[in-house]
Amino acid sequence: MTETAAPGAGTTAAASKSQQAYDAVKARIVDGSYSPGYRLVLGAIAKDLGVSVVPVREAIRRLEAEGLVTFERNIGATVAGIDPTEYLYTMQTLSIVEGAATALSAPLIGAADVARARAVNAKMRECLEHFDPVRFTRLNQDFHSVLFEHCPNPHILDLVHRGWNRLAALRSSTFRFVPGRASESVEEHEALLRLIEDGADADEIEQAARRHRSATLDAYLAQTNH
């Protein structure tokens, strides 16, 4: 008896390979393996991932729609550059909405949440010894997620997530450019946790969170002369 594939099985497999290619290429763009201007050769990527060119082409189209990839005549697909102005606006906006989200979330943050955030911050402190900006940035997001995840306003929370996603799209690990800022960031994290533990008022927590975000932006702008 001849076995036949289940209806839609081929479509599902193709979609899975396309997603696999998308995840792999995006991860390499985000972590800097594929730097701005890097030429994305479909055949080479397909061979590396063990898939055909078709899912890679679909993945590249998705990444182009997200602004991570550009097409140039006679060159093909390349990794898009980082727009410093877009980074500036993203960080300015995130400092405002994340500060508000943290302040609104603060009364709902319990002892277990503080302990979780402090554990993440301890990993960030350990990371300073053999500095890895990509890992540090990932831990930094984990830390702040604990502080704003209880925000009761879903619209503000959505704006915060959009800001973090935009930073990821910009492939921005600010600490790669200003590694000295990392140790200051860890200390400011502890100060934020103490404010929350002590039941500081919302305005004080919001301003502290905003200054923390703005300090990183200021350090980056000073370093890059923007």
C-alpha atoms as a PDB file:
ATOM      1  CA  MET A   1       0.000   0.000   0.000  1.00  0.00           C
ATOM      2  CA  THR A   2       1.450   3.372  -1.028  1.00  0.00           C
ATOM      3  CA  GLU A   3       1.600   6.045   1.670  1.00  0.00           C
ATOM      4  CA  THR A   4       0.542   9.528   0.743  1.00  0.00           C
ATOM      5  CA  ALA A   5       1.430  12.752   2.482  1.00  0.00           C
ATOM      6  CA  ALA A   6      -1.275  14.319   4.564  1.00  0.00           C
ATOM      7  CA  PRO A   7      -3.067  17.245   2.903  1.00  0.00           C
ATOM      8  CA  GLY A   8      -1.129  20.431   3.490  1.00  0.00           C
ATOM      9  CA  ALA A   9       1.958  18.587   4.725  1.00  0.00           C
ATOM     10  CA  GLY A  10       4.118  19.977   1.913  1.00  0.00           C
ATOM     11  CA  THR A  11       2.893  23.507   2.564  1.00  0.00           C
ATOM     12  CA  THR A  12       3.581  23.169   6.274  1.00  0.00           C
ATOM     13  CA  ALA A  13       7.098  21.859   5.649  1.00  0.00           C
ATOM     14  CA  ALA A  14       7.842  24.720   3.254  1.00  0.00           C
ATOM     15  CA  ALA A  15       6.555  27.263   5.751  1.00  0.00           C
ATOM     16  CA  SER A  16       8.682  25.675   8.477  1.00  0.00           C
ATOM     17  CA  LYS A  17      11.834  25.922   6.351  1.00  0.00           C
ATOM     18  CA  SER A  18      11.027  29.525   5.493  1.00  0.00           C
ATOM     19  CA  GLN A  19      10.634  30.327   9.185  1.00  0.00           C
ATOM     20  CA  GLN A  20      13.867  28.484   9.953  1.00  0.00           C
ATOM     21  CA  ALA A  21      15.723  30.546   7.354  1.00  0.00           C
ATOM     22  CA  TYR A  22      14.116  33.758   8.599  1.00  0.00           C
ATOM     23  CA  ASP A  23      15.048  33.069  12.232  1.00  0.00           C
ATOM     24  CA  ALA A  24      18.616  32.125  11.352  1.00  0.00           C
ATOM     25  CA  VAL A  25      19.338  35.111   9.105  1.00  0.00           C
ATOM     26  CA  LYS A  26      17.657  37.593  11.456  1.00  0.00           C
ATOM     27  CA  ALA A  27      19.637  36.230  14.419  1.00  0.00           C
ATOM     28  CA  ARG A  28      22.893  36.733  12.538  1.00  0.00           C
ATOM     29  CA  ILE A  29      21.927  40.280  11.615  1.00  0.00           C
ATOM     30  CA  VAL A  30      20.937  41.119  15.185  1.00  0.00           C
ATOM     31  CA  ASP A  31      24.087  39.673  16.775  1.00  0.00           C
ATOM     32  CA  GLY A  32      26.325  41.397  14.235  1.00  0.00           C
ATOM     33  CA  SER A  33      27.543  38.284  12.408  1.00  0.00           C
ATOM     34  CA  TYR A  34      26.040  39.851   9.299  1.00  0.00           C
ATOM     35  CA  SER A  35      27.143  43.482   9.673  1.00  0.00           C
ATOM     36  CA  PRO A  36      25.677  46.495   7.827  1.00  0.00           C
ATOM     37  CA  GLY A  37      26.501  46.248   4.124  1.00  0.00           C
ATOM     38  CA  TYR A  38      27.074  42.486   4.273  1.00  0.00           C
ATOM     39  CA  ARG A  39      25.989  40.880   1.008  1.00  0.00           C
ATOM     40  CA  LEU A  40      23.415  38.124   1.511  1.00  0.00           C
ATOM     41  CA  VAL A  41      24.161  35.469  -1.103  1.00  0.00           C
ATOM     42  CA  LEU A  42      21.078  33.250  -1.247  1.00  0.00           C
ATOM     43  CA  GLY A  43      22.858  30.144  -2.470  1.00  0.00           C
ATOM     44  CA  ALA A  44      25.544  30.307   0.196  1.00  0.00           C
ATOM     45  CA  ILE A  45      23.024  30.862   2.987  1.00  0.00           C
ATOM     46  CA  ALA A  46      20.828  28.023   1.696  1.00  0.00           C
ATOM     47  CA  LYS A  47      23.785  25.650   1.661  1.00  0.00           C
ATOM     48  CA  ASP A  48      24.816  26.719   5.150  1.00  0.00           C
ATOM     49  CA  LEU A  49      21.292  26.130   6.509  1.00  0.00           C
ATOM     50  CA  GLY A  50      20.722  22.915   4.567  1.00  0.00           C
ATOM     51  CA  VAL A  51      17.662  24.187   2.729  1.00  0.00           C
ATOM     52  CA  SER A  52      16.837  25.205  -0.825  1.00  0.00           C
ATOM     53  CA  VAL A  53      17.099  28.765  -2.099  1.00  0.00           C
ATOM     54  CA  VAL A  54      13.297  29.236  -2.080  1.00  0.00           C
ATOM     55  CA  PRO A  55      12.777  29.535   1.705  1.00  0.00           C
ATOM     56  CA  VAL A  56      15.865  31.740   1.970  1.00  0.00           C
ATOM     57  CA  ARG A  57      14.461  34.066  -0.683  1.00  0.00           C
ATOM     58  CA  GLU A  58      11.164  34.251   1.225  1.00  0.00           C
ATOM     59  CA  ALA A  59      13.031  34.986   4.457  1.00  0.00           C
ATOM     60  CA  ILE A  60      15.028  37.779   2.815  1.00  0.00           C
ATOM     61  CA  ARG A  61      11.794  39.343   1.508  1.00  0.00           C
ATOM     62  CA  ARG A  62      10.350  39.362   5.035  1.00  0.00           C
ATOM     63  CA  LEU A  63      13.509  40.945   6.393  1.00  0.00           C
ATOM     64  CA  GLU A  64      13.392  43.574   3.653  1.00  0.00           C
ATOM     65  CA  ALA A  65       9.819  44.440   4.672  1.00  0.00           C
ATOM     66  CA  GLU A  66      11.066  44.889   8.245  1.00  0.00           C
ATOM     67  CA  GLY A  67      13.845  47.223   7.129  1.00  0.00           C
ATOM     68  CA  LEU A  68      16.701  44.880   8.026  1.00  0.00           C
ATOM     69  CA  VAL A  69      17.649  44.157   4.417  1.00  0.00           C
ATOM     70  CA  THR A  70      17.888  46.339   1.328  1.00  0.00           C
ATOM     71  CA  PHE A  71      18.164  45.468  -2.368  1.00  0.00           C
ATOM     72  CA  GLU A  72      20.660  47.291  -4.548  1.00  0.00           C
ATOM     73  CA  ARG A  73      20.904  47.041  -8.305  1.00  0.00           C
ATOM     74  CA  ASN A  74      23.785  44.867  -9.520  1.00  0.00           C
ATOM     75  CA  ILE A  75      24.547  43.898  -5.919  1.00  0.00           C
ATOM     76  CA  GLY A  76      21.457  42.160  -4.597  1.00  0.00           C
ATOM     77  CA  ALA A  77      20.397  41.810  -0.984  1.00  0.00           C
ATOM     78  CA  THR A  78      22.560  43.453   1.665  1.00  0.00           C
ATOM     79  CA  VAL A  79      22.167  44.081   5.390  1.00  0.00           C
ATOM     80  CA  ALA A  80      20.748  47.551   5.978  1.00  0.00           C
ATOM     81  CA  GLY A  81      22.813  50.116   7.844  1.00  0.00           C
ATOM     82  CA  ILE A  82      21.971  51.516  11.269  1.00  0.00           C
ATOM     83  CA  ASP A  83      20.320  54.926  11.147  1.00  0.00           C
ATOM     84  CA  PRO A  84      21.655  56.974  14.099  1.00  0.00           C
ATOM     85  CA  THR A  85      18.688  59.359  13.912  1.00  0.00           C
ATOM     86  CA  GLU A  86      16.233  56.474  14.141  1.00  0.00           C
ATOM     87  CA  TYR A  87      18.175  55.147  17.121  1.00  0.00           C
ATOM     88  CA  LEU A  88      18.008  58.560  18.797  1.00  0.00           C
ATOM     89  CA  TYR A  89      14.234  58.837  18.354  1.00  0.00           C
ATOM     90  CA  THR A  90      13.678  55.257  19.480  1.00  0.00           C
ATOM     91  CA  MET A  91      15.686  55.711  22.671  1.00  0.00           C
ATOM     92  CA  GLN A  92      14.044  59.042  23.470  1.00  0.00           C
ATOM     93  CA  THR A  93      10.585  57.544  23.055  1.00  0.00           C
ATOM     94  CA  LEU A  94      11.471  54.409  24.999  1.00  0.00           C
ATOM     95  CA  SER A  95      12.770  56.458  27.929  1.00  0.00           C
ATOM     96  CA  ILE A  96       9.355  58.121  28.202  1.00  0.00           C
ATOM     97  CA  VAL A  97       7.074  55.102  27.768  1.00  0.00           C
ATOM     98  CA  GLU A  98       9.265  52.666  29.708  1.00  0.00           C
ATOM     99  CA  GLY A  99       9.583  55.153  32.551  1.00  0.00           C
ATOM    100  CA  ALA A 100       5.789  55.433  32.709  1.00  0.00           C
ATOM    101  CA  ALA A 101       5.321  51.661  32.471  1.00  0.00           C
ATOM    102  CA  THR A 102       7.833  51.047  35.267  1.00  0.00           C
ATOM    103  CA  ALA A 103       6.164  53.609  37.530  1.00  0.00           C
ATOM    104  CA  LEU A 104       2.700  52.128  36.922  1.00  0.00           C
ATOM    105  CA  SER A 105       4.041  48.619  37.413  1.00  0.00           C
ATOM    106  CA  ALA A 106       5.923  49.390  40.641  1.00  0.00           C
ATOM    107  CA  PRO A 107       3.016  48.954  43.122  1.00  0.00           C
ATOM    108  CA  LEU A 108       2.350  45.518  41.608  1.00  0.00           C
ATOM    109  CA  ILE A 109       5.943  44.299  41.810  1.00  0.00           C
ATOM    110  CA  GLY A 110       6.311  41.770  44.612  1.00  0.00           C
ATOM    111  CA  ALA A 111       9.300  40.448  46.510  1.00  0.00           C
ATOM    112  CA  ALA A 112       9.624  37.498  44.112  1.00  0.00           C
ATOM    113  CA  ASP A 113       9.789  39.876  41.141  1.00  0.00           C
ATOM    114  CA  VAL A 114      12.470  41.978  42.828  1.00  0.00           C
ATOM    115  CA  ALA A 115      14.470  38.826  43.573  1.00  0.00           C
ATOM    116  CA  ARG A 116      14.166  37.728  39.943  1.00  0.00           C
ATOM    117  CA  ALA A 117      15.305  41.123  38.670  1.00  0.00           C
ATOM    118  CA  ARG A 118      18.192  41.185  41.143  1.00  0.00           C
ATOM    119  CA  ALA A 119      19.293  37.724  39.974  1.00  0.00           C
ATOM    120  CA  VAL A 120      19.375  38.963  36.374  1.00  0.00           C
ATOM    121  CA  ASN A 121      21.342  42.027  37.440  1.00  0.00           C
ATOM    122  CA  ALA A 122      23.839  39.739  39.196  1.00  0.00           C
ATOM    123  CA  LYS A 123      24.378  37.921  35.887  1.00  0.00           C
ATOM    124  CA  MET A 124      24.937  41.301  34.239  1.00  0.00           C
ATOM    125  CA  ARG A 125      27.540  42.118  36.885  1.00  0.00           C
ATOM    126  CA  GLU A 126      29.304  38.802  36.199  1.00  0.00           C
ATOM    127  CA  CYS A 127      29.161  39.564  32.470  1.00  0.00           C
ATOM    128  CA  LEU A 128      31.310  42.658  33.069  1.00  0.00           C
ATOM    129  CA  GLU A 129      34.351  40.494  33.805  1.00  0.00           C
ATOM    130  CA  HIS A 130      34.531  39.084  30.269  1.00  0.00           C
ATOM    131  CA  PHE A 131      32.328  41.590  28.529  1.00  0.00           C
ATOM    132  CA  ASP A 132      29.906  40.296  25.899  1.00  0.00           C
ATOM    133  CA  PRO A 133      27.764  43.229  24.692  1.00  0.00           C
ATOM    134  CA  VAL A 134      25.184  41.024  22.965  1.00  0.00           C
ATOM    135  CA  ARG A 135      24.597  38.872  26.081  1.00  0.00           C
ATOM    136  CA  PHE A 136      24.640  41.951  28.304  1.00  0.00           C
ATOM    137  CA  THR A 137      21.982  43.608  26.135  1.00  0.00           C
ATOM    138  CA  ARG A 138      19.823  40.473  26.261  1.00  0.00           C
ATOM    139  CA  LEU A 139      20.087  40.366  30.055  1.00  0.00           C
ATOM    140  CA  ASN A 140      19.340  44.079  30.186  1.00  0.00           C
ATOM    141  CA  GLN A 141      16.050  43.485  28.406  1.00  0.00           C
ATOM    142  CA  ASP A 142      15.245  40.616  30.771  1.00  0.00           C
ATOM    143  CA  PHE A 143      15.860  42.891  33.742  1.00  0.00           C
ATOM    144  CA  HIS A 144      13.652  45.711  32.519  1.00  0.00           C
ATOM    145  CA  SER A 145      10.936  43.291  31.460  1.00  0.00           C
ATOM    146  CA  VAL A 146      10.497  42.332  35.123  1.00  0.00           C
ATOM    147  CA  LEU A 147      10.029  45.997  36.041  1.00  0.00           C
ATOM    148  CA  PHE A 148       7.459  46.900  33.411  1.00  0.00           C
ATOM    149  CA  GLU A 149       5.641  43.606  32.784  1.00  0.00           C
ATOM    150  CA  HIS A 150       2.984  44.311  35.449  1.00  0.00           C
ATOM    151  CA  CYS A 151       2.026  47.654  33.875  1.00  0.00           C
ATOM    152  CA  PRO A 152      -1.809  47.738  33.959  1.00  0.00           C
ATOM    153  CA  ASN A 153      -2.065  50.009  30.913  1.00  0.00           C
ATOM    154  CA  PRO A 154      -1.906  47.739  27.829  1.00  0.00           C
ATOM    155  CA  HIS A 155      -1.415  50.645  25.439  1.00  0.00           C
ATOM    156  CA  ILE A 156       1.700  51.899  27.226  1.00  0.00           C
ATOM    157  CA  LEU A 157       2.979  48.328  27.495  1.00  0.00           C
ATOM    158  CA  ASP A 158       2.477  47.865  23.749  1.00  0.00           C
ATOM    159  CA  LEU A 159       4.535  50.997  23.069  1.00  0.00           C
ATOM    160  CA  VAL A 160       7.333  49.677  25.290  1.00  0.00           C
ATOM    161  CA  HIS A 161       7.435  46.372  23.419  1.00  0.00           C
ATOM    162  CA  ARG A 162       7.437  48.238  20.107  1.00  0.00           C
ATOM    163  CA  GLY A 163      10.418  50.276  21.287  1.00  0.00           C
ATOM    164  CA  TRP A 164      12.400  47.180  22.282  1.00  0.00           C
ATOM    165  CA  ASN A 165      11.522  45.502  18.977  1.00  0.00           C
ATOM    166  CA  ARG A 166      12.697  48.570  17.094  1.00  0.00           C
ATOM    167  CA  LEU A 167      16.003  48.496  18.963  1.00  0.00           C
ATOM    168  CA  ALA A 168      16.396  44.844  17.985  1.00  0.00           C
ATOM    169  CA  ALA A 169      15.660  45.760  14.368  1.00  0.00           C
ATOM    170  CA  LEU A 170      18.344  48.440  14.577  1.00  0.00           C
ATOM    171  CA  ARG A 171      20.713  45.729  15.840  1.00  0.00           C
ATOM    172  CA  SER A 172      21.619  48.129  18.565  1.00  0.00           C
ATOM    173  CA  SER A 173      23.815  46.861  21.341  1.00  0.00           C
ATOM    174  CA  THR A 174      24.770  50.292  22.611  1.00  0.00           C
ATOM    175  CA  PHE A 175      27.163  48.734  25.084  1.00  0.00           C
ATOM    176  CA  ARG A 176      29.297  47.558  22.157  1.00  0.00           C
ATOM    177  CA  PHE A 177      30.175  51.226  21.589  1.00  0.00           C
ATOM    178  CA  VAL A 178      30.236  52.392  25.220  1.00  0.00           C
ATOM    179  CA  PRO A 179      31.296  49.362  27.312  1.00  0.00           C
ATOM    180  CA  GLY A 180      32.113  51.647  30.247  1.00  0.00           C
ATOM    181  CA  ARG A 181      28.427  52.494  30.497  1.00  0.00           C
ATOM    182  CA  ALA A 182      27.626  48.858  31.349  1.00  0.00           C
ATOM    183  CA  SER A 183      28.944  48.984  34.922  1.00  0.00           C
ATOM    184  CA  GLU A 184      27.057  52.233  35.571  1.00  0.00           C
ATOM    185  CA  SER A 185      23.901  50.604  34.223  1.00  0.00           C
ATOM    186  CA  VAL A 186      24.186  47.713  36.676  1.00  0.00           C
ATOM    187  CA  GLU A 187      24.461  50.138  39.625  1.00  0.00           C
ATOM    188  CA  GLU A 188      21.478  52.144  38.379  1.00  0.00           C
ATOM    189  CA  HIS A 189      19.479  48.918  38.170  1.00  0.00           C
ATOM    190  CA  GLU A 190      20.125  48.265  41.849  1.00  0.00           C
ATOM    191  CA  ALA A 191      19.087  51.833  42.687  1.00  0.00           C
ATOM    192  CA  LEU A 192      15.814  51.328  40.805  1.00  0.00           C
ATOM    193  CA  LEU A 193      15.130  48.121  42.711  1.00  0.00           C
ATOM    194  CA  ARG A 194      15.740  49.876  46.025  1.00  0.00           C
ATOM    195  CA  LEU A 195      13.287  52.620  45.092  1.00  0.00           C
ATOM    196  CA  ILE A 196      10.645  50.003  44.305  1.00  0.00           C
ATOM    197  CA  GLU A 197      11.352  48.068  47.508  1.00  0.00           C
ATOM    198  CA  ASP A 198      11.113  51.267  49.584  1.00  0.00           C
ATOM    199  CA  GLY A 199       7.750  52.177  48.052  1.00  0.00           C
ATOM    200  CA  ALA A 200       8.961  55.408  46.459  1.00  0.00           C
ATOM    201  CA  ASP A 201       6.276  57.509  44.772  1.00  0.00           C
ATOM    202  CA  ALA A 202       5.487  57.014  41.104  1.00  0.00           C
ATOM    203  CA  ASP A 203       7.091  60.275  39.949  1.00  0.00           C
ATOM    204  CA  GLU A 204      10.426  59.431  41.575  1.00  0.00           C
ATOM    205  CA  ILE A 205      10.489  55.954  40.040  1.00  0.00           C
ATOM    206  CA  GLU A 206       9.490  57.243  36.607  1.00  0.00           C
ATOM    207  CA  GLN A 207      12.162  59.939  36.608  1.00  0.00           C
ATOM    208  CA  ALA A 208      14.833  57.466  37.755  1.00  0.00           C
ATOM    209  CA  ALA A 209      13.873  55.038  34.982  1.00  0.00           C
ATOM    210  CA  ARG A 210      13.929  57.822  32.403  1.00  0.00           C
ATOM    211  CA  ARG A 211      17.332  59.117  33.557  1.00  0.00           C
ATOM    212  CA  HIS A 212      18.688  55.576  33.378  1.00  0.00           C
ATOM    213  CA  ARG A 213      17.607  55.185  29.757  1.00  0.00           C
ATOM    214  CA  SER A 214      18.694  58.699  28.773  1.00  0.00           C
ATOM    215  CA  ALA A 215      22.153  58.224  30.305  1.00  0.00           C
ATOM    216  CA  THR A 216      22.815  55.320  27.948  1.00  0.00           C
ATOM    217  CA  LEU A 217      21.661  57.393  24.987  1.00  0.00           C
ATOM    218  CA  ASP A 218      23.824  60.348  26.043  1.00  0.00           C
ATOM    219  CA  ALA A 219      26.881  58.101  26.394  1.00  0.00           C
ATOM    220  CA  TYR A 220      26.306  56.669  22.923  1.00  0.00           C
ATOM    221  CA  LEU A 221      25.814  60.102  21.328  1.00  0.00           C
ATOM    222  CA  ALA A 222      28.951  61.444  22.999  1.00  0.00           C
ATOM    223  CA  GLN A 223      31.004  58.455  21.856  1.00  0.00           C
ATOM    224  CA  THR A 224      29.788  58.595  18.250  1.00  0.00           C
ATOM    225  CA  ASN A 225      29.819  62.412  18.015  1.00  0.00           C
ATOM    226  CA  HIS A 226      26.151  62.643  16.984  1.00  0.00           C
END
